[in-house]
Amino acid sequence: MKIFFLLSLLICFFPLLGADQQAFLSIDPIPYFESGYHAHIGVDLHPIRFSIMTSKSDRPLYTEKPATGVKATSKAVGIDMDVVGKTSEGLYGGASFMRVRWLFKHQATQSSIRQDGDLFGGKIGYRHYFRPRFFMDGRVSYYVNSSSNQDVPLAGTRNEISERYIYPFLEFGLAY
């Protein structure tokens, strides 16, 4: 988490380097309804866009439905690289890497187990600017879980972390 904040601080100063760079901050409101969050901070360097992200979810995106009586949460930190072309607006494609930590907790026995893993993915999306500084970014990402152990046994239950996952994002942001 500390690396996220240090990189965020560096990205904020990229626009000072020249007129073509543009820093941005965006959030996806959907995880807020699941007691979580998802945020990106990044910089457009045309034709490449870099960003870092952090997220938390009480309904983990990368797990199969947990066994009855088991609550699963996930936290992730990651980096993204997108090919955007000459402007920030429009169609783009990119790649992602995320480090995810899942926590499975059995409600009755209060036992828990943690599983860490890496997700690699590709994405395609579209960014539209409403005003010079406000934008909406919609994309679909496809992730592959490279973790070696995707079975999580806990207190006599069997829980599974998905090998592959497709997830839609809808982010709103501010560019400066």
N, C-alpha and C. Protein backbone atom coordinates (compact mmCIF):
# COMPACT_ATOMS: atom_id res chain seq x y z
N MET A 1 0.82 -1.18 0.00
CA MET A 1 0.00 0.00 0.00
C MET A 1 0.87 1.26 0.00
N LYS A 2 2.03 1.21 0.68
CA LYS A 2 2.92 2.36 0.70
C LYS A 2 3.42 2.70 -0.70
N ILE A 3 3.72 1.67 -1.49
CA ILE A 3 4.21 1.90 -2.85
C ILE A 3 3.15 2.61 -3.69
N PHE A 4 1.88 2.30 -3.46
CA PHE A 4 0.80 2.97 -4.18
C PHE A 4 0.84 4.47 -3.93
N PHE A 5 0.99 4.87 -2.68
CA PHE A 5 0.99 6.28 -2.35
C PHE A 5 2.25 7.00 -2.85
N LEU A 6 3.40 6.33 -2.82
CA LEU A 6 4.62 6.94 -3.34
C LEU A 6 4.54 7.13 -4.85
N LEU A 7 4.05 6.11 -5.57
CA LEU A 7 3.90 6.24 -7.02
C LEU A 7 2.84 7.29 -7.36
N SER A 8 1.78 7.37 -6.56
CA SER A 8 0.74 8.38 -6.78
C SER A 8 1.33 9.78 -6.70
N LEU A 9 2.18 10.00 -5.74
CA LEU A 9 2.81 11.31 -5.58
C LEU A 9 3.69 11.65 -6.79
N LEU A 10 4.45 10.67 -7.29
CA LEU A 10 5.28 10.90 -8.47
C LEU A 10 4.44 11.20 -9.71
N ILE A 11 3.36 10.45 -9.90
CA ILE A 11 2.50 10.65 -11.06
C ILE A 11 1.88 12.04 -11.06
N CYS A 12 1.57 12.57 -9.89
CA CYS A 12 0.99 13.91 -9.80
C CYS A 12 1.91 14.98 -10.38
N PHE A 13 3.22 14.73 -10.36
CA PHE A 13 4.17 15.73 -10.86
C PHE A 13 4.52 15.56 -12.34
N PHE A 14 4.07 14.49 -13.01
CA PHE A 14 4.35 14.29 -14.42
C PHE A 14 3.86 15.42 -15.31
N PRO A 15 2.68 16.02 -15.08
CA PRO A 15 2.23 17.09 -15.97
C PRO A 15 3.17 18.30 -15.98
N LEU A 16 3.99 18.46 -14.97
CA LEU A 16 4.92 19.58 -14.92
C LEU A 16 6.06 19.41 -15.91
N LEU A 17 6.23 18.19 -16.45
CA LEU A 17 7.34 17.91 -17.36
C LEU A 17 7.12 18.44 -18.77
N GLY A 18 5.88 18.62 -19.17
CA GLY A 18 5.62 19.09 -20.52
C GLY A 18 4.14 19.17 -20.81
N ALA A 19 3.79 19.81 -21.93
CA ALA A 19 2.39 20.06 -22.26
C ALA A 19 1.65 18.81 -22.70
N ASP A 20 2.35 17.79 -23.22
CA ASP A 20 1.66 16.61 -23.73
C ASP A 20 1.25 15.63 -22.63
N GLN A 21 1.84 15.75 -21.45
CA GLN A 21 1.47 14.84 -20.38
C GLN A 21 0.22 15.34 -19.66
N GLN A 22 -0.58 14.39 -19.18
CA GLN A 22 -1.80 14.73 -18.47
C GLN A 22 -2.00 13.69 -17.37
N ALA A 23 -2.03 14.12 -16.11
CA ALA A 23 -2.26 13.20 -15.01
C ALA A 23 -3.76 13.05 -14.79
N PHE A 24 -4.18 11.93 -14.21
CA PHE A 24 -5.60 11.71 -13.96
C PHE A 24 -5.82 10.87 -12.72
N LEU A 25 -7.02 11.00 -12.18
CA LEU A 25 -7.49 10.21 -11.05
C LEU A 25 -8.88 9.74 -11.40
N SER A 26 -9.16 8.44 -11.22
CA SER A 26 -10.50 7.91 -11.53
C SER A 26 -10.92 6.89 -10.49
N ILE A 27 -12.25 6.77 -10.32
CA ILE A 27 -12.81 5.80 -9.40
C ILE A 27 -13.91 5.02 -10.10
N ASP A 28 -14.12 3.80 -9.67
CA ASP A 28 -15.22 2.97 -10.16
C ASP A 28 -16.23 2.90 -9.02
N PRO A 29 -17.45 3.44 -9.19
CA PRO A 29 -18.41 3.47 -8.09
C PRO A 29 -19.03 2.12 -7.74
N ILE A 30 -18.97 1.12 -8.61
CA ILE A 30 -19.64 -0.16 -8.37
C ILE A 30 -19.14 -0.84 -7.09
N PRO A 31 -17.84 -0.91 -6.81
CA PRO A 31 -17.40 -1.57 -5.57
C PRO A 31 -17.89 -0.88 -4.29
N TYR A 32 -18.23 0.41 -4.34
CA TYR A 32 -18.72 1.09 -3.15
C TYR A 32 -20.01 0.45 -2.66
N PHE A 33 -20.82 -0.10 -3.57
CA PHE A 33 -22.06 -0.76 -3.19
C PHE A 33 -21.79 -2.12 -2.55
N GLU A 34 -20.57 -2.59 -2.65
CA GLU A 34 -20.17 -3.87 -2.06
C GLU A 34 -19.19 -3.65 -0.91
N SER A 35 -19.28 -2.48 -0.26
CA SER A 35 -18.41 -2.11 0.87
C SER A 35 -16.94 -2.13 0.48
N GLY A 36 -16.63 -1.65 -0.70
CA GLY A 36 -15.25 -1.63 -1.16
C GLY A 36 -14.90 -0.34 -1.86
N TYR A 37 -13.81 -0.38 -2.61
CA TYR A 37 -13.36 0.77 -3.40
C TYR A 37 -12.51 0.29 -4.56
N HIS A 38 -12.34 1.17 -5.55
CA HIS A 38 -11.47 0.91 -6.69
C HIS A 38 -11.04 2.27 -7.23
N ALA A 39 -9.74 2.53 -7.27
CA ALA A 39 -9.25 3.83 -7.74
C ALA A 39 -7.99 3.66 -8.58
N HIS A 40 -7.85 4.53 -9.58
CA HIS A 40 -6.67 4.60 -10.44
C HIS A 40 -6.08 6.01 -10.35
N ILE A 41 -4.78 6.09 -10.39
CA ILE A 41 -4.10 7.37 -10.59
C ILE A 41 -3.04 7.11 -11.64
N GLY A 42 -2.94 8.01 -12.62
CA GLY A 42 -2.02 7.73 -13.71
C GLY A 42 -1.64 8.96 -14.50
N VAL A 43 -0.96 8.71 -15.62
CA VAL A 43 -0.49 9.79 -16.48
C VAL A 43 -0.57 9.32 -17.94
N ASP A 44 -1.06 10.22 -18.80
CA ASP A 44 -1.05 10.00 -20.25
C ASP A 44 0.22 10.60 -20.81
N LEU A 45 1.03 9.78 -21.45
CA LEU A 45 2.28 10.26 -22.05
C LEU A 45 2.21 10.22 -23.57
N HIS A 46 1.09 9.92 -24.14
CA HIS A 46 0.80 9.82 -25.58
C HIS A 46 1.99 9.30 -26.37
N PRO A 47 1.89 8.14 -26.88
CA PRO A 47 0.70 7.32 -27.11
C PRO A 47 0.46 6.27 -26.03
N ILE A 48 1.17 6.35 -24.90
CA ILE A 48 1.05 5.37 -23.83
C ILE A 48 0.46 6.04 -22.59
N ARG A 49 -0.39 5.28 -21.87
CA ARG A 49 -0.95 5.75 -20.61
C ARG A 49 -0.56 4.74 -19.54
N PHE A 50 0.01 5.22 -18.44
CA PHE A 50 0.38 4.38 -17.30
C PHE A 50 -0.49 4.74 -16.12
N SER A 51 -0.85 3.74 -15.31
CA SER A 51 -1.58 4.03 -14.08
C SER A 51 -1.30 2.95 -13.06
N ILE A 52 -1.57 3.30 -11.80
CA ILE A 52 -1.52 2.35 -10.72
C ILE A 52 -2.91 2.31 -10.10
N MET A 53 -3.26 1.19 -9.52
CA MET A 53 -4.60 1.05 -8.97
C MET A 53 -4.55 0.37 -7.61
N THR A 54 -5.62 0.59 -6.87
CA THR A 54 -5.83 -0.12 -5.62
C THR A 54 -7.32 -0.43 -5.52
N SER A 55 -7.65 -1.56 -4.90
CA SER A 55 -9.05 -1.92 -4.74
C SER A 55 -9.24 -2.82 -3.53
N LYS A 56 -10.46 -2.84 -3.04
CA LYS A 56 -10.87 -3.73 -1.95
C LYS A 56 -12.30 -4.11 -2.22
N SER A 57 -12.65 -5.34 -1.90
CA SER A 57 -14.03 -5.79 -2.10
C SER A 57 -14.40 -6.82 -1.05
N ASP A 58 -15.60 -6.68 -0.48
CA ASP A 58 -16.12 -7.71 0.42
C ASP A 58 -16.80 -8.81 -0.36
N ARG A 59 -16.96 -8.63 -1.66
CA ARG A 59 -17.41 -9.70 -2.57
C ARG A 59 -16.30 -9.87 -3.59
N PRO A 60 -15.27 -10.64 -3.29
CA PRO A 60 -14.10 -10.70 -4.16
C PRO A 60 -14.46 -11.07 -5.60
N LEU A 61 -13.86 -10.34 -6.48
CA LEU A 61 -14.14 -10.51 -7.89
C LEU A 61 -13.52 -11.78 -8.46
N TYR A 62 -12.45 -12.25 -7.88
CA TYR A 62 -11.68 -13.32 -8.49
C TYR A 62 -11.84 -14.63 -7.76
N THR A 63 -12.97 -14.82 -7.06
CA THR A 63 -13.22 -16.09 -6.39
C THR A 63 -14.54 -16.66 -6.89
N GLU A 64 -14.62 -17.98 -6.81
CA GLU A 64 -15.91 -18.62 -7.00
C GLU A 64 -16.73 -18.27 -5.76
N LYS A 65 -18.02 -18.51 -5.78
CA LYS A 65 -18.84 -18.21 -4.61
C LYS A 65 -18.31 -19.01 -3.43
N PRO A 66 -17.98 -18.33 -2.29
CA PRO A 66 -17.44 -19.06 -1.14
C PRO A 66 -18.45 -20.06 -0.58
N ALA A 67 -17.93 -21.05 0.14
CA ALA A 67 -18.79 -22.05 0.77
C ALA A 67 -19.70 -21.37 1.79
N THR A 68 -20.81 -22.02 2.10
CA THR A 68 -21.75 -21.48 3.07
C THR A 68 -21.05 -21.26 4.41
N GLY A 69 -21.25 -20.10 5.00
CA GLY A 69 -20.62 -19.77 6.27
C GLY A 69 -19.24 -19.19 6.16
N VAL A 70 -18.76 -18.97 4.93
CA VAL A 70 -17.42 -18.41 4.73
C VAL A 70 -17.56 -17.03 4.09
N LYS A 71 -16.88 -16.04 4.65
CA LYS A 71 -16.86 -14.70 4.08
C LYS A 71 -15.50 -14.50 3.43
N ALA A 72 -15.50 -14.00 2.20
CA ALA A 72 -14.25 -13.77 1.47
C ALA A 72 -14.10 -12.28 1.18
N THR A 73 -12.90 -11.74 1.36
CA THR A 73 -12.59 -10.36 1.00
C THR A 73 -11.31 -10.38 0.17
N SER A 74 -11.11 -9.33 -0.60
CA SER A 74 -9.87 -9.23 -1.38
C SER A 74 -9.39 -7.79 -1.40
N LYS A 75 -8.08 -7.65 -1.45
CA LYS A 75 -7.43 -6.35 -1.64
C LYS A 75 -6.42 -6.53 -2.76
N ALA A 76 -6.29 -5.48 -3.60
CA ALA A 76 -5.38 -5.58 -4.74
C ALA A 76 -4.66 -4.26 -4.96
N VAL A 77 -3.45 -4.38 -5.48
CA VAL A 77 -2.65 -3.25 -5.94
C VAL A 77 -2.10 -3.66 -7.29
N GLY A 78 -2.13 -2.75 -8.28
CA GLY A 78 -1.68 -3.14 -9.60
C GLY A 78 -1.19 -1.99 -10.45
N ILE A 79 -0.65 -2.34 -11.60
CA ILE A 79 -0.21 -1.36 -12.59
C ILE A 79 -0.86 -1.67 -13.93
N ASP A 80 -1.12 -0.63 -14.69
CA ASP A 80 -1.74 -0.76 -16.01
C ASP A 80 -0.92 0.00 -17.03
N MET A 81 -0.92 -0.48 -18.26
CA MET A 81 -0.33 0.25 -19.38
C MET A 81 -1.31 0.15 -20.54
N ASP A 82 -1.68 1.30 -21.11
CA ASP A 82 -2.62 1.35 -22.22
C ASP A 82 -1.98 2.02 -23.42
N VAL A 83 -2.35 1.59 -24.61
CA VAL A 83 -1.96 2.26 -25.84
C VAL A 83 -3.16 3.10 -26.24
N VAL A 84 -2.98 4.45 -26.22
CA VAL A 84 -4.12 5.35 -26.42
C VAL A 84 -4.06 6.12 -27.73
N GLY A 85 -2.95 6.18 -28.39
CA GLY A 85 -2.86 6.96 -29.62
C GLY A 85 -2.50 8.41 -29.36
N LYS A 86 -2.94 9.30 -30.28
CA LYS A 86 -2.53 10.70 -30.20
C LYS A 86 -3.30 11.51 -29.16
N THR A 87 -4.51 11.07 -28.80
CA THR A 87 -5.28 11.78 -27.78
C THR A 87 -5.71 10.80 -26.70
N SER A 88 -6.09 11.36 -25.55
CA SER A 88 -6.54 10.53 -24.43
C SER A 88 -7.92 9.96 -24.66
N GLU A 89 -8.72 10.60 -25.51
CA GLU A 89 -10.08 10.17 -25.74
C GLU A 89 -10.14 9.12 -26.83
N GLY A 90 -11.06 8.18 -26.67
CA GLY A 90 -11.29 7.19 -27.71
C GLY A 90 -10.96 5.78 -27.27
N LEU A 91 -10.92 4.90 -28.26
CA LEU A 91 -10.69 3.47 -28.05
C LEU A 91 -9.23 3.22 -27.66
N TYR A 92 -9.02 2.27 -26.75
CA TYR A 92 -7.67 1.90 -26.35
C TYR A 92 -7.61 0.43 -25.97
N GLY A 93 -6.42 -0.10 -25.93
CA GLY A 93 -6.17 -1.46 -25.47
C GLY A 93 -5.01 -1.43 -24.51
N GLY A 94 -4.90 -2.44 -23.66
CA GLY A 94 -3.80 -2.40 -22.71
C GLY A 94 -3.60 -3.71 -21.98
N ALA A 95 -2.71 -3.64 -20.99
CA ALA A 95 -2.35 -4.80 -20.17
C ALA A 95 -2.33 -4.39 -18.71
N SER A 96 -2.56 -5.37 -17.82
CA SER A 96 -2.60 -5.11 -16.38
C SER A 96 -1.85 -6.20 -15.63
N PHE A 97 -1.32 -5.82 -14.48
CA PHE A 97 -0.76 -6.76 -13.52
C PHE A 97 -1.28 -6.36 -12.14
N MET A 98 -1.78 -7.33 -11.37
CA MET A 98 -2.28 -7.06 -10.03
C MET A 98 -1.73 -8.08 -9.04
N ARG A 99 -1.42 -7.58 -7.87
CA ARG A 99 -1.07 -8.44 -6.74
C ARG A 99 -2.30 -8.44 -5.84
N VAL A 100 -2.88 -9.61 -5.60
CA VAL A 100 -4.13 -9.72 -4.86
C VAL A 100 -3.91 -10.53 -3.58
N ARG A 101 -4.58 -10.09 -2.51
CA ARG A 101 -4.58 -10.83 -1.25
C ARG A 101 -6.03 -11.15 -0.90
N TRP A 102 -6.34 -12.46 -0.85
CA TRP A 102 -7.68 -12.91 -0.48
C TRP A 102 -7.65 -13.33 0.98
N LEU A 103 -8.73 -13.05 1.69
CA LEU A 103 -8.88 -13.51 3.06
C LEU A 103 -10.21 -14.24 3.16
N PHE A 104 -10.16 -15.50 3.55
CA PHE A 104 -11.35 -16.32 3.74
C PHE A 104 -11.53 -16.52 5.24
N LYS A 105 -12.72 -16.18 5.74
CA LYS A 105 -12.99 -16.31 7.17
C LYS A 105 -14.25 -17.14 7.38
N HIS A 106 -14.12 -18.20 8.19
CA HIS A 106 -15.26 -19.06 8.50
C HIS A 106 -16.01 -18.41 9.66
N GLN A 107 -17.29 -18.13 9.47
CA GLN A 107 -18.08 -17.38 10.45
C GLN A 107 -18.26 -18.16 11.75
N ALA A 108 -18.54 -19.45 11.69
CA ALA A 108 -18.85 -20.21 12.90
C ALA A 108 -17.60 -20.47 13.76
N THR A 109 -16.50 -20.85 13.13
CA THR A 109 -15.30 -21.20 13.89
C THR A 109 -14.35 -20.02 14.07
N GLN A 110 -14.61 -18.92 13.39
CA GLN A 110 -13.76 -17.72 13.42
C GLN A 110 -12.33 -18.01 12.95
N SER A 111 -12.14 -19.11 12.23
CA SER A 111 -10.83 -19.39 11.65
C SER A 111 -10.74 -18.69 10.30
N SER A 112 -9.51 -18.41 9.89
CA SER A 112 -9.32 -17.72 8.61
C SER A 112 -8.05 -18.22 7.94
N ILE A 113 -7.99 -17.97 6.64
CA ILE A 113 -6.81 -18.32 5.86
C ILE A 113 -6.60 -17.25 4.79
N ARG A 114 -5.36 -16.91 4.55
CA ARG A 114 -5.01 -15.88 3.57
C ARG A 114 -4.33 -16.54 2.38
N GLN A 115 -4.66 -16.04 1.20
CA GLN A 115 -4.04 -16.54 -0.03
C GLN A 115 -3.61 -15.34 -0.86
N ASP A 116 -2.35 -15.30 -1.28
CA ASP A 116 -1.85 -14.23 -2.14
C ASP A 116 -1.71 -14.75 -3.56
N GLY A 117 -1.88 -13.87 -4.54
CA GLY A 117 -1.75 -14.29 -5.92
C GLY A 117 -1.50 -13.14 -6.86
N ASP A 118 -1.13 -13.47 -8.07
CA ASP A 118 -0.87 -12.49 -9.13
C ASP A 118 -1.85 -12.70 -10.27
N LEU A 119 -2.38 -11.61 -10.78
CA LEU A 119 -3.28 -11.65 -11.92
C LEU A 119 -2.64 -10.87 -13.06
N PHE A 120 -2.65 -11.44 -14.25
CA PHE A 120 -2.20 -10.77 -15.45
C PHE A 120 -3.41 -10.64 -16.37
N GLY A 121 -3.50 -9.52 -17.08
CA GLY A 121 -4.68 -9.36 -17.91
C GLY A 121 -4.50 -8.43 -19.09
N GLY A 122 -5.47 -8.51 -19.97
CA GLY A 122 -5.57 -7.62 -21.11
C GLY A 122 -6.90 -6.90 -21.04
N LYS A 123 -7.02 -5.77 -21.72
CA LYS A 123 -8.26 -5.00 -21.66
C LYS A 123 -8.46 -4.21 -22.93
N ILE A 124 -9.72 -3.85 -23.14
CA ILE A 124 -10.09 -2.95 -24.22
C ILE A 124 -11.14 -2.01 -23.65
N GLY A 125 -11.04 -0.75 -24.02
CA GLY A 125 -11.96 0.22 -23.45
C GLY A 125 -12.11 1.46 -24.30
N TYR A 126 -12.92 2.38 -23.78
CA TYR A 126 -13.19 3.65 -24.45
C TYR A 126 -13.28 4.73 -23.40
N ARG A 127 -12.55 5.83 -23.61
CA ARG A 127 -12.59 6.98 -22.70
C ARG A 127 -13.23 8.15 -23.43
N HIS A 128 -14.20 8.80 -22.75
CA HIS A 128 -14.90 9.95 -23.31
C HIS A 128 -14.81 11.13 -22.33
N TYR A 129 -14.42 12.29 -22.85
CA TYR A 129 -14.34 13.51 -22.03
C TYR A 129 -15.63 14.31 -22.18
N PHE A 130 -16.23 14.66 -21.03
CA PHE A 130 -17.45 15.48 -21.04
C PHE A 130 -17.11 16.96 -21.06
N ARG A 131 -16.11 17.33 -20.38
CA ARG A 131 -15.59 18.70 -20.33
C ARG A 131 -14.08 18.55 -20.42
N PRO A 132 -13.37 19.63 -20.48
CA PRO A 132 -11.91 19.47 -20.63
C PRO A 132 -11.26 18.61 -19.55
N ARG A 133 -11.83 18.55 -18.37
CA ARG A 133 -11.18 17.83 -17.27
C ARG A 133 -11.90 16.57 -16.79
N PHE A 134 -13.18 16.39 -17.08
CA PHE A 134 -13.96 15.27 -16.58
C PHE A 134 -14.14 14.20 -17.65
N PHE A 135 -14.00 12.94 -17.26
CA PHE A 135 -14.13 11.86 -18.24
C PHE A 135 -14.84 10.64 -17.65
N MET A 136 -15.30 9.80 -18.55
CA MET A 136 -15.87 8.50 -18.21
C MET A 136 -15.08 7.46 -18.99
N ASP A 137 -14.73 6.39 -18.33
CA ASP A 137 -13.90 5.35 -18.93
C ASP A 137 -14.59 4.00 -18.73
N GLY A 138 -15.00 3.37 -19.80
CA GLY A 138 -15.60 2.04 -19.73
C GLY A 138 -14.68 1.04 -20.38
N ARG A 139 -14.50 -0.11 -19.75
CA ARG A 139 -13.62 -1.13 -20.33
C ARG A 139 -14.01 -2.51 -19.83
N VAL A 140 -13.53 -3.50 -20.54
CA VAL A 140 -13.69 -4.90 -20.15
C VAL A 140 -12.29 -5.48 -20.03
N SER A 141 -12.02 -6.10 -18.90
CA SER A 141 -10.71 -6.69 -18.65
C SER A 141 -10.83 -8.20 -18.52
N TYR A 142 -9.82 -8.91 -19.01
CA TYR A 142 -9.74 -10.36 -18.91
C TYR A 142 -8.48 -10.69 -18.13
N TYR A 143 -8.63 -11.38 -16.98
CA TYR A 143 -7.49 -11.69 -16.13
C TYR A 143 -7.25 -13.19 -16.08
N VAL A 144 -5.97 -13.55 -15.95
CA VAL A 144 -5.55 -14.93 -15.73
C VAL A 144 -4.83 -14.96 -14.39
N ASN A 145 -5.24 -15.87 -13.54
CA ASN A 145 -4.63 -16.02 -12.22
C ASN A 145 -3.42 -16.92 -12.35
N SER A 146 -2.25 -16.40 -12.03
CA SER A 146 -1.03 -17.20 -12.16
C SER A 146 -0.63 -17.88 -10.85
N SER A 147 -1.47 -17.81 -9.84
CA SER A 147 -1.19 -18.47 -8.56
C SER A 147 -1.18 -19.98 -8.74
N SER A 148 -0.27 -20.64 -8.05
CA SER A 148 -0.17 -22.09 -8.19
C SER A 148 -1.26 -22.82 -7.41
N ASN A 149 -1.72 -22.26 -6.30
CA ASN A 149 -2.73 -22.93 -5.49
C ASN A 149 -4.02 -22.11 -5.50
N GLN A 150 -5.06 -22.64 -6.13
CA GLN A 150 -6.32 -21.91 -6.20
C GLN A 150 -7.41 -22.54 -5.36
N ASP A 151 -7.10 -23.64 -4.66
CA ASP A 151 -8.04 -24.24 -3.72
C ASP A 151 -7.70 -23.74 -2.33
N VAL A 152 -8.71 -23.29 -1.60
CA VAL A 152 -8.51 -22.75 -0.26
C VAL A 152 -9.40 -23.53 0.71
N PRO A 153 -8.87 -24.60 1.34
CA PRO A 153 -9.68 -25.34 2.31
C PRO A 153 -9.70 -24.60 3.65
N LEU A 154 -10.88 -24.53 4.27
CA LEU A 154 -11.01 -23.80 5.53
C LEU A 154 -12.11 -24.44 6.37
N ALA A 155 -11.76 -24.93 7.54
CA ALA A 155 -12.71 -25.48 8.52
C ALA A 155 -13.69 -26.45 7.87
N GLY A 156 -13.18 -27.38 7.10
CA GLY A 156 -14.02 -28.39 6.48
C GLY A 156 -14.75 -27.93 5.23
N THR A 157 -14.50 -26.71 4.77
CA THR A 157 -15.13 -26.22 3.54
C THR A 157 -14.09 -26.12 2.45
N ARG A 158 -14.54 -26.11 1.21
CA ARG A 158 -13.64 -25.97 0.08
C ARG A 158 -14.02 -24.70 -0.66
N ASN A 159 -13.07 -23.79 -0.81
CA ASN A 159 -13.28 -22.53 -1.52
C ASN A 159 -12.32 -22.49 -2.69
N GLU A 160 -12.70 -21.81 -3.74
CA GLU A 160 -11.89 -21.82 -4.95
C GLU A 160 -11.68 -20.41 -5.48
N ILE A 161 -10.45 -20.14 -5.88
CA ILE A 161 -10.11 -18.88 -6.53
C ILE A 161 -10.10 -19.14 -8.03
N SER A 162 -10.76 -18.29 -8.79
CA SER A 162 -10.92 -18.49 -10.23
C SER A 162 -9.58 -18.45 -10.97
N GLU A 163 -9.48 -19.26 -12.02
CA GLU A 163 -8.29 -19.24 -12.87
C GLU A 163 -8.36 -18.09 -13.86
N ARG A 164 -9.54 -17.81 -14.37
CA ARG A 164 -9.74 -16.75 -15.37
C ARG A 164 -10.95 -15.93 -14.97
N TYR A 165 -10.93 -14.67 -15.35
CA TYR A 165 -12.02 -13.81 -14.93
C TYR A 165 -12.20 -12.67 -15.93
N ILE A 166 -13.45 -12.36 -16.25
CA ILE A 166 -13.79 -11.20 -17.08
C ILE A 166 -14.52 -10.21 -16.20
N TYR A 167 -14.09 -8.96 -16.23
CA TYR A 167 -14.72 -7.95 -15.37
C TYR A 167 -14.91 -6.64 -16.13
N PRO A 168 -16.12 -6.08 -16.08
CA PRO A 168 -16.36 -4.76 -16.68
C PRO A 168 -16.09 -3.65 -15.66
N PHE A 169 -15.50 -2.57 -16.11
CA PHE A 169 -15.25 -1.40 -15.26
C PHE A 169 -15.99 -0.20 -15.85
N LEU A 170 -16.46 0.68 -15.01
CA LEU A 170 -17.04 1.95 -15.42
C LEU A 170 -16.50 2.99 -14.46
N GLU A 171 -15.53 3.76 -14.92
CA GLU A 171 -14.86 4.71 -14.04
C GLU A 171 -15.19 6.14 -14.45
N PHE A 172 -15.20 7.00 -13.44
CA PHE A 172 -15.37 8.43 -13.64
C PHE A 172 -14.13 9.10 -13.09
N GLY A 173 -13.64 10.11 -13.82
CA GLY A 173 -12.38 10.68 -13.40
C GLY A 173 -12.22 12.15 -13.69
N LEU A 174 -11.08 12.63 -13.21
CA LEU A 174 -10.68 14.02 -13.35
C LEU A 174 -9.25 14.04 -13.89
N ALA A 175 -9.02 14.78 -14.97
CA ALA A 175 -7.68 14.90 -15.56
C ALA A 175 -7.18 16.31 -15.34
N TYR A 176 -5.89 16.44 -15.12
CA TYR A 176 -5.30 17.77 -14.92
C TYR A 176 -3.93 17.85 -15.52
